[in-house]
PDB file of N, CA and C in Angstrom:
ATOM      1  N   PHE A   1     -52.836 -69.627-124.350  1.00  0.00           N
ATOM      2  CA  PHE A   1     -52.911 -70.922-123.707  1.00  0.00           C
ATOM      3  C   PHE A   1     -51.775 -71.014-122.554  1.00  0.00           C
ATOM      4  N   PHE A   2     -50.687 -71.626-122.716  1.00  0.00           N
ATOM      5  CA  PHE A   2     -49.741 -71.714-121.635  1.00  0.00           C
ATOM      6  C   PHE A   2     -48.613 -70.908-121.924  1.00  0.00           C
ATOM      7  N   ASP A   3     -48.201 -69.999-121.065  1.00  0.00           N
ATOM      8  CA  ASP A   3     -47.034 -69.018-121.218  1.00  0.00           C
ATOM      9  C   ASP A   3     -45.819 -69.761-120.866  1.00  0.00           C
ATOM     10  N   LYS A   4     -44.946 -70.003-121.777  1.00  0.00           N
ATOM     11  CA  LYS A   4     -43.726 -70.858-121.490  1.00  0.00           C
ATOM     12  C   LYS A   4     -42.734 -69.953-120.870  1.00  0.00           C
ATOM     13  N   ALA A   5     -42.886 -68.715-120.837  1.00  0.00           N
ATOM     14  CA  ALA A   5     -41.935 -67.773-120.043  1.00  0.00           C
ATOM     15  C   ALA A   5     -42.112 -68.092-118.581  1.00  0.00           C
ATOM     16  N   TYR A   6     -43.185 -68.548-118.134  1.00  0.00           N
ATOM     17  CA  TYR A   6     -43.409 -68.964-116.773  1.00  0.00           C
ATOM     18  C   TYR A   6     -42.459 -70.002-116.304  1.00  0.00           C
ATOM     19  N   LEU A   7     -41.962 -70.843-117.131  1.00  0.00           N
ATOM     20  CA  LEU A   7     -41.009 -71.872-116.876  1.00  0.00           C
ATOM     21  C   LEU A   7     -39.546 -71.433-116.517  1.00  0.00           C
ATOM     22  N   SER A   8     -39.348 -70.039-116.866  1.00  0.00           N
ATOM     23  CA  SER A   8     -38.000 -69.640-116.628  1.00  0.00           C
ATOM     24  C   SER A   8     -37.927 -69.002-115.215  1.00  0.00           C
ATOM     25  N   ASP A   9     -38.972 -69.020-114.466  1.00  0.00           N
ATOM     26  CA  ASP A   9     -38.931 -68.576-113.057  1.00  0.00           C
ATOM     27  C   ASP A   9     -38.063 -69.389-112.205  1.00  0.00           C
ATOM     28  N   PRO A  10     -37.217 -68.789-111.270  1.00  0.00           N
ATOM     29  CA  PRO A  10     -36.358 -69.700-110.608  1.00  0.00           C
ATOM     30  C   PRO A  10     -37.014 -70.617-109.545  1.00  0.00           C
ATOM     31  N   LYS A  11     -38.193 -70.438-109.188  1.00  0.00           N
ATOM     32  CA  LYS A  11     -39.023 -71.249-108.286  1.00  0.00           C
ATOM     33  C   LYS A  11     -39.541 -72.522-108.989  1.00  0.00           C
ATOM     34  N   ILE A  12     -39.521 -72.513-110.262  1.00  0.00           N
ATOM     35  CA  ILE A  12     -39.970 -73.778-111.013  1.00  0.00           C
ATOM     36  C   ILE A  12     -38.897 -74.915-110.805  1.00  0.00           C
ATOM     37  N   LEU A  13     -39.397 -76.097-110.401  1.00  0.00           N
ATOM     38  CA  LEU A  13     -38.557 -77.214-110.341  1.00  0.00           C
ATOM     39  C   LEU A  13     -38.226 -77.880-111.620  1.00  0.00           C
ATOM     40  N   PRO A  14     -37.136 -78.591-111.807  1.00  0.00           N
ATOM     41  CA  PRO A  14     -36.883 -79.327-113.041  1.00  0.00           C
ATOM     42  C   PRO A  14     -38.036 -80.332-113.244  1.00  0.00           C
ATOM     43  N   ASN A  15     -38.553 -80.403-114.500  1.00  0.00           N
ATOM     44  CA  ASN A  15     -39.546 -81.302-114.858  1.00  0.00           C
ATOM     45  C   ASN A  15     -40.845 -81.033-114.051  1.00  0.00           C
ATOM     46  N   GLN A  16     -41.087 -79.811-113.666  1.00  0.00           N
ATOM     47  CA  GLN A  16     -42.273 -79.651-112.887  1.00  0.00           C
ATOM     48  C   GLN A  16     -43.536 -79.974-113.553  1.00  0.00           C
ATOM     49  N   VAL A  17     -43.729 -79.602-114.855  1.00  0.00           N
ATOM     50  CA  VAL A  17     -44.956 -79.804-115.511  1.00  0.00           C
ATOM     51  C   VAL A  17     -45.157 -81.360-115.585  1.00  0.00           C
ATOM     52  N   ARG A  18     -44.175 -82.078-116.056  1.00  0.00           N
ATOM     53  CA  ARG A  18     -44.266 -83.534-116.137  1.00  0.00           C
ATOM     54  C   ARG A  18     -44.691 -84.181-114.806  1.00  0.00           C
ATOM     55  N   ARG A  19     -44.074 -83.704-113.624  1.00  0.00           N
ATOM     56  CA  ARG A  19     -44.273 -84.148-112.400  1.00  0.00           C
ATOM     57  C   ARG A  19     -45.727 -83.908-111.953  1.00  0.00           C
ATOM     58  N   GLU A  20     -46.258 -82.708-112.256  1.00  0.00           N
ATOM     59  CA  GLU A  20     -47.559 -82.317-111.851  1.00  0.00           C
ATOM     60  C   GLU A  20     -48.539 -83.237-112.753  1.00  0.00           C
ATOM     61  N   ILE A  21     -48.347 -83.468-113.920  1.00  0.00           N
ATOM     62  CA  ILE A  21     -49.204 -84.251-114.717  1.00  0.00           C
ATOM     63  C   ILE A  21     -49.176 -85.757-114.253  1.00  0.00           C
ATOM     64  N   THR A  22     -48.006 -86.211-113.890  1.00  0.00           N
ATOM     65  CA  THR A  22     -47.899 -87.656-113.332  1.00  0.00           C
ATOM     66  C   THR A  22     -48.563 -87.785-112.042  1.00  0.00           C
ATOM     67  N   THR A  23     -48.463 -86.756-111.225  1.00  0.00           N
ATOM     68  CA  THR A  23     -49.144 -86.857-109.883  1.00  0.00           C
ATOM     69  C   THR A  23     -50.646 -86.825-110.058  1.00  0.00           C
ATOM     70  N   THR A  24     -51.067 -86.009-110.945  1.00  0.00           N
ATOM     71  CA  THR A  24     -52.524 -85.945-111.173  1.00  0.00           C
ATOM     72  C   THR A  24     -53.091 -87.276-111.801  1.00  0.00           C
ATOM     73  N   LEU A  25     -52.317 -87.869-112.764  1.00  0.00           N
ATOM     74  CA  LEU A  25     -52.821 -89.086-113.269  1.00  0.00           C
ATOM     75  C   LEU A  25     -52.734 -90.263-112.308  1.00  0.00           C
ATOM     76  N   SER A  26     -51.774 -90.252-111.509  1.00  0.00           N
ATOM     77  CA  SER A  26     -51.639 -91.311-110.462  1.00  0.00           C
ATOM     78  C   SER A  26     -52.661 -91.263-109.405  1.00  0.00           C
ATOM     79  N   SER A  27     -53.252 -90.003-109.179  1.00  0.00           N
ATOM     80  CA  SER A  27     -54.179 -89.878-108.110  1.00  0.00           C
ATOM     81  C   SER A  27     -55.664 -90.257-108.599  1.00  0.00           C
ATOM     82  N   ILE A  28     -55.790 -90.406-109.920  1.00  0.00           N
ATOM     83  CA  ILE A  28     -57.181 -90.819-110.462  1.00  0.00           C
ATOM     84  C   ILE A  28     -57.640 -92.126-109.930  1.00  0.00           C
ATOM     85  N   PRO A  29     -56.826 -93.196-109.945  1.00  0.00           N
ATOM     86  CA  PRO A  29     -57.314 -94.451-109.391  1.00  0.00           C
ATOM     87  C   PRO A  29     -57.627 -94.340-107.933  1.00  0.00           C
ATOM     88  N   PHE A  30     -56.929 -93.701-107.215  1.00  0.00           N
ATOM     89  CA  PHE A  30     -57.235 -93.564-105.721  1.00  0.00           C
ATOM     90  C   PHE A  30     -58.615 -92.878-105.519  1.00  0.00           C
ATOM     91  N   MET A  31     -58.807 -91.746-106.325  1.00  0.00           N
ATOM     92  CA  MET A  31     -60.088 -91.041-106.268  1.00  0.00           C
ATOM     93  C   MET A  31     -61.175 -91.947-106.648  1.00  0.00           C
ATOM     94  N   THR A  32     -61.071 -92.759-107.737  1.00  0.00           N
ATOM     95  CA  THR A  32     -62.083 -93.682-108.179  1.00  0.00           C
ATOM     96  C   THR A  32     -62.351 -94.795-107.018  1.00  0.00           C
ATOM     97  N   LEU A  33     -61.423 -95.217-106.394  1.00  0.00           N
ATOM     98  CA  LEU A  33     -61.589 -96.223-105.364  1.00  0.00           C
ATOM     99  C   LEU A  33     -62.525 -95.555-104.209  1.00  0.00           C
ATOM    100  N   LEU A  34     -62.280 -94.331-103.921  1.00  0.00           N
ATOM    101  CA  LEU A  34     -63.155 -93.664-103.013  1.00  0.00           C
ATOM    102  C   LEU A  34     -64.511 -93.347-103.418  1.00  0.00           C
ATOM    103  N   THR A  35     -64.714 -93.085-104.767  1.00  0.00           N
ATOM    104  CA  THR A  35     -65.997 -92.601-105.332  1.00  0.00           C
ATOM    105  C   THR A  35     -66.896 -93.801-105.646  1.00  0.00           C
ATOM    106  N   ALA A  36     -66.286 -94.859-106.183  1.00  0.00           N
ATOM    107  CA  ALA A  36     -67.035 -96.047-106.775  1.00  0.00           C
ATOM    108  C   ALA A  36     -68.075 -96.709-105.693  1.00  0.00           C
ATOM    109  N   PRO A  37     -67.503 -96.923-104.409  1.00  0.00           N
ATOM    110  CA  PRO A  37     -68.534 -97.460-103.522  1.00  0.00           C
ATOM    111  C   PRO A  37     -69.693 -96.622-103.125  1.00  0.00           C
ATOM    112  N   VAL A  38     -69.527 -95.294-103.039  1.00  0.00           N
ATOM    113  CA  VAL A  38     -70.608 -94.398-102.789  1.00  0.00           C
ATOM    114  C   VAL A  38     -71.590 -94.454-103.975  1.00  0.00           C
ATOM    115  N   PHE A  39     -71.074 -94.356-105.155  1.00  0.00           N
ATOM    116  CA  PHE A  39     -71.901 -94.456-106.314  1.00  0.00           C
ATOM    117  C   PHE A  39     -72.757 -95.776-106.426  1.00  0.00           C
ATOM    118  N   LEU A  40     -72.060 -96.856-106.180  1.00  0.00           N
ATOM    119  CA  LEU A  40     -72.698 -98.091-106.169  1.00  0.00           C
ATOM    120  C   LEU A  40     -73.835 -98.198-105.148  1.00  0.00           C
ATOM    121  N   MET A  41     -73.624 -97.774-103.992  1.00  0.00           N
ATOM    122  CA  MET A  41     -74.643 -97.751-102.897  1.00  0.00           C
ATOM    123  C   MET A  41     -75.776 -96.864-103.254  1.00  0.00           C
ATOM    124  N   GLU A  42     -75.505 -95.738-104.002  1.00  0.00           N
ATOM    125  CA  GLU A  42     -76.628 -94.849-104.469  1.00  0.00           C
ATOM    126  C   GLU A  42     -77.367 -95.561-105.484  1.00  0.00           C
ATOM    127  N   VAL A  43     -76.755 -96.191-106.434  1.00  0.00           N
ATOM    128  CA  VAL A  43     -77.499 -96.945-107.547  1.00  0.00           C
ATOM    129  C   VAL A  43     -78.343 -98.074-107.087  1.00  0.00           C
ATOM    130  N   ARG A  44     -77.874 -98.741-105.984  1.00  0.00           N
ATOM    131  CA  ARG A  44     -78.532 -99.948-105.513  1.00  0.00           C
ATOM    132  C   ARG A  44     -79.521 -99.604-104.443  1.00  0.00           C
ATOM    133  N   GLY A  45     -79.819 -98.287-104.235  1.00  0.00           N
ATOM    134  CA  GLY A  45     -80.906 -97.872-103.370  1.00  0.00           C
ATOM    135  C   GLY A  45     -80.649 -97.665-101.922  1.00  0.00           C
ATOM    136  N   TYR A  46     -79.416 -97.452-101.587  1.00  0.00           N
ATOM    137  CA  TYR A  46     -79.017 -97.179-100.175  1.00  0.00           C
ATOM    138  C   TYR A  46     -78.837 -95.625 -99.888  1.00  0.00           C
ATOM    139  N   SER A  47     -79.571 -94.837-100.650  1.00  0.00           N
ATOM    140  CA  SER A  47     -79.574 -93.429-100.456  1.00  0.00           C
ATOM    141  C   SER A  47     -81.033 -92.935-100.105  1.00  0.00           C
ATOM    142  N   LYS A  48     -81.065 -91.758 -99.813  1.00  0.00           N
ATOM    143  CA  LYS A  48     -82.275 -91.047 -99.484  1.00  0.00           C
ATOM    144  C   LYS A  48     -82.763 -90.143-100.476  1.00  0.00           C
ATOM    145  N   LEU A  49     -82.464 -90.434-101.739  1.00  0.00           N
ATOM    146  CA  LEU A  49     -82.836 -89.538-102.813  1.00  0.00           C
ATOM    147  C   LEU A  49     -84.344 -89.684-102.995  1.00  0.00           C
ATOM    148  N   THR A  50     -85.026 -88.546-103.377  1.00  0.00           N
ATOM    149  CA  THR A  50     -86.439 -88.608-103.487  1.00  0.00           C
ATOM    150  C   THR A  50     -86.716 -87.908-104.902  1.00  0.00           C
ATOM    151  N   ASP A  51     -87.947 -88.164-105.395  1.00  0.00           N
ATOM    152  CA  ASP A  51     -88.394 -87.508-106.518  1.00  0.00           C
ATOM    153  C   ASP A  51     -89.166 -86.253-106.081  1.00  0.00           C
ATOM    154  N   GLY A  52     -88.944 -85.133-106.790  1.00  0.00           N
ATOM    155  CA  GLY A  52     -89.637 -83.888-106.507  1.00  0.00           C
ATOM    156  C   GLY A  52     -89.049 -83.215-105.183  1.00  0.00           C
ATOM    157  N   MET A  53     -89.876 -82.420-104.617  1.00  0.00           N
ATOM    158  CA  MET A  53     -89.566 -81.721-103.326  1.00  0.00           C
ATOM    159  C   MET A  53     -90.547 -81.911-102.181  1.00  0.00           C
ATOM    160  N   PRO A  54     -90.404 -83.159-101.606  1.00  0.00           N
ATOM    161  CA  PRO A  54     -91.379 -83.466-100.544  1.00  0.00           C
ATOM    162  C   PRO A  54     -91.209 -82.569 -99.306  1.00  0.00           C
ATOM    163  N   ASN A  55     -90.112 -81.910 -99.082  1.00  0.00           N
ATOM    164  CA  ASN A  55     -90.001 -81.054 -97.844  1.00  0.00           C
ATOM    165  C   ASN A  55     -90.131 -79.568 -98.145  1.00  0.00           C
ATOM    166  N   GLY A  56     -90.358 -79.201 -99.447  1.00  0.00           N
ATOM    167  CA  GLY A  56     -90.628 -77.844 -99.800  1.00  0.00           C
ATOM    168  C   GLY A  56     -89.423 -77.203-100.379  1.00  0.00           C
ATOM    169  N   LEU A  57     -89.679 -76.103-101.093  1.00  0.00           N
ATOM    170  CA  LEU A  57     -88.526 -75.360-101.839  1.00  0.00           C
ATOM    171  C   LEU A  57     -87.552 -74.780-100.822  1.00  0.00           C
ATOM    172  N   GLY A  58     -88.000 -74.258 -99.744  1.00  0.00           N
ATOM    173  CA  GLY A  58     -87.069 -73.676 -98.772  1.00  0.00           C
ATOM    174  C   GLY A  58     -86.077 -74.629 -98.309  1.00  0.00           C
ATOM    175  N   PHE A  59     -86.526 -75.826 -97.978  1.00  0.00           N
ATOM    176  CA  PHE A  59     -85.637 -76.900 -97.429  1.00  0.00           C
ATOM    177  C   PHE A  59     -84.619 -77.240 -98.502  1.00  0.00           C
ATOM    178  N   GLU A  60     -85.075 -77.337 -99.747  1.00  0.00           N
ATOM    179  CA  GLU A  60     -84.160 -77.711-100.922  1.00  0.00           C
ATOM    180  C   GLU A  60     -83.115 -76.659-101.034  1.00  0.00           C
ATOM    181  N   ILE A  61     -83.371 -75.372-100.970  1.00  0.00           N
ATOM    182  CA  ILE A  61     -82.507 -74.295-101.173  1.00  0.00           C
ATOM    183  C   ILE A  61     -81.519 -74.347-100.000  1.00  0.00           C
ATOM    184  N   PHE A  62     -82.122 -74.568 -98.787  1.00  0.00           N
ATOM    185  CA  PHE A  62     -81.175 -74.635 -97.586  1.00  0.00           C
ATOM    186  C   PHE A  62     -80.217 -75.779 -97.721  1.00  0.00           C
ATOM    187  N   THR A  63     -80.649 -76.948 -98.152  1.00  0.00           N
ATOM    188  CA  THR A  63     -79.833 -78.073 -98.435  1.00  0.00           C
ATOM    189  C   THR A  63     -78.741 -77.879 -99.392  1.00  0.00           C
ATOM    190  N   ILE A  64     -79.019 -77.222-100.428  1.00  0.00           N
ATOM    191  CA  ILE A  64     -78.060 -77.074-101.510  1.00  0.00           C
ATOM    192  C   ILE A  64     -76.962 -75.979-100.887  1.00  0.00           C
ATOM    193  N   PHE A  65     -77.476 -74.937-100.265  1.00  0.00           N
ATOM    194  CA  PHE A  65     -76.523 -73.997 -99.645  1.00  0.00           C
ATOM    195  C   PHE A  65     -75.597 -74.532 -98.634  1.00  0.00           C
ATOM    196  N   SER A  66     -76.224 -75.450 -97.758  1.00  0.00           N
ATOM    197  CA  SER A  66     -75.474 -76.151 -96.703  1.00  0.00           C
ATOM    198  C   SER A  66     -74.354 -77.044 -97.286  1.00  0.00           C
ATOM    199  N   PHE A  67     -74.763 -77.718 -98.370  1.00  0.00           N
ATOM    200  CA  PHE A  67     -73.817 -78.692 -99.058  1.00  0.00           C
ATOM    201  C   PHE A  67     -72.679 -77.923 -99.615  1.00  0.00           C
ATOM    202  N   LEU A  68     -72.986 -76.823-100.299  1.00  0.00           N
ATOM    203  CA  LEU A  68     -71.913 -76.009-100.883  1.00  0.00           C
ATOM    204  C   LEU A  68     -70.934 -75.481 -99.827  1.00  0.00           C
ATOM    205  N   MET A  69     -71.538 -74.961 -98.766  1.00  0.00           N
ATOM    206  CA  MET A  69     -70.741 -74.384 -97.675  1.00  0.00           C
ATOM    207  C   MET A  69     -69.857 -75.482 -97.020  1.00  0.00           C
ATOM    208  N   PHE A  70     -70.410 -76.650 -96.799  1.00  0.00           N
ATOM    209  CA  PHE A  70     -69.728 -77.734 -96.116  1.00  0.00           C
ATOM    210  C   PHE A  70     -68.523 -78.113 -97.023  1.00  0.00           C
ATOM    211  N   THR A  71     -68.761 -78.348 -98.295  1.00  0.00           N
ATOM    212  CA  THR A  71     -67.692 -78.838 -99.181  1.00  0.00           C
ATOM    213  C   THR A  71     -66.624 -77.736 -99.269  1.00  0.00           C
ATOM    214  N   ASP A  72     -67.061 -76.536 -99.385  1.00  0.00           N
ATOM    215  CA  ASP A  72     -66.071 -75.439 -99.533  1.00  0.00           C
ATOM    216  C   ASP A  72     -65.300 -75.264 -98.195  1.00  0.00           C
ATOM    217  N   MET A  73     -65.731 -75.431 -97.154  1.00  0.00           N
ATOM    218  CA  MET A  73     -64.993 -75.454 -95.865  1.00  0.00           C
ATOM    219  C   MET A  73     -64.068 -76.681 -95.829  1.00  0.00           C
ATOM    220  N   CYS A  74     -64.434 -77.872 -96.198  1.00  0.00           N
ATOM    221  CA  CYS A  74     -63.517 -78.952 -96.321  1.00  0.00           C
ATOM    222  C   CYS A  74     -62.349 -78.670 -97.139  1.00  0.00           C
ATOM    223  N   ILE A  75     -62.673 -78.166 -98.317  1.00  0.00           N
ATOM    224  CA  ILE A  75     -61.471 -77.885 -99.299  1.00  0.00           C
ATOM    225  C   ILE A  75     -60.621 -76.787 -98.680  1.00  0.00           C
ATOM    226  N   TYR A  76     -61.148 -75.857 -98.006  1.00  0.00           N
ATOM    227  CA  TYR A  76     -60.341 -74.738 -97.367  1.00  0.00           C
ATOM    228  C   TYR A  76     -59.443 -75.371 -96.296  1.00  0.00           C
ATOM    229  N   TRP A  77     -59.945 -76.191 -95.480  1.00  0.00           N
ATOM    230  CA  TRP A  77     -59.095 -76.790 -94.355  1.00  0.00           C
ATOM    231  C   TRP A  77     -58.132 -77.810 -94.886  1.00  0.00           C
ATOM    232  N   ILE A  78     -58.487 -78.590 -95.892  1.00  0.00           N
ATOM    233  CA  ILE A  78     -57.521 -79.517 -96.479  1.00  0.00           C
ATOM    234  C   ILE A  78     -56.417 -78.605 -97.054  1.00  0.00           C
ATOM    235  N   HIS A  79     -56.704 -77.627 -97.811  1.00  0.00           N
ATOM    236  CA  HIS A  79     -55.757 -76.740 -98.419  1.00  0.00           C
ATOM    237  C   HIS A  79     -54.841 -76.127 -97.436  1.00  0.00           C
ATOM    238  N   ARG A  80     -55.467 -75.669 -96.389  1.00  0.00           N
ATOM    239  CA  ARG A  80     -54.660 -75.069 -95.302  1.00  0.00           C
ATOM    240  C   ARG A  80     -53.721 -76.130 -94.635  1.00  0.00           C
ATOM    241  N   PHE A  81     -54.175 -77.271 -94.427  1.00  0.00           N
ATOM    242  CA  PHE A  81     -53.405 -78.293 -93.782  1.00  0.00           C
ATOM    243  C   PHE A  81     -52.256 -78.650 -94.774  1.00  0.00           C
ATOM    244  N   LEU A  82     -52.418 -78.508 -95.952  1.00  0.00           N
ATOM    245  CA  LEU A  82     -51.332 -78.982 -96.919  1.00  0.00           C
ATOM    246  C   LEU A  82     -50.234 -77.959 -96.812  1.00  0.00           C
ATOM    247  N   HIS A  83     -50.373 -76.799 -96.381  1.00  0.00           N
ATOM    248  CA  HIS A  83     -49.342 -75.730 -96.184  1.00  0.00           C
ATOM    249  C   HIS A  83     -48.546 -75.924 -94.926  1.00  0.00           C
ATOM    250  N   HIS A  84     -48.932 -76.808 -94.108  1.00  0.00           N
ATOM    251  CA  HIS A  84     -48.204 -76.913 -92.776  1.00  0.00           C
ATOM    252  C   HIS A  84     -47.448 -78.249 -92.772  1.00  0.00           C
ATOM    253  N   PRO A  85     -46.169 -78.304 -92.336  1.00  0.00           N
ATOM    254  CA  PRO A  85     -45.512 -79.491 -92.368  1.00  0.00           C
ATOM    255  C   PRO A  85     -46.031 -80.539 -91.532  1.00  0.00           C
TER     256      PRO A  85
END
């Protein structure tokens, strides 16, 4: 599970595990505030979700691939931005 020898590394800050857990738990309400409106709009019919595959299998595969690439690139750039002051 968790190797406690890792905590003896000189780069580890005091109470780092507690601080990481606190930061994670405090970010959940913020993420919920961003996600809830999108979910409510989808449930209330403001989306373009369809039943089946009206545009064909090729379009569905392209859409899934495009979505995964877009989100992966966003995560990459956000992560890169976090490393610059």
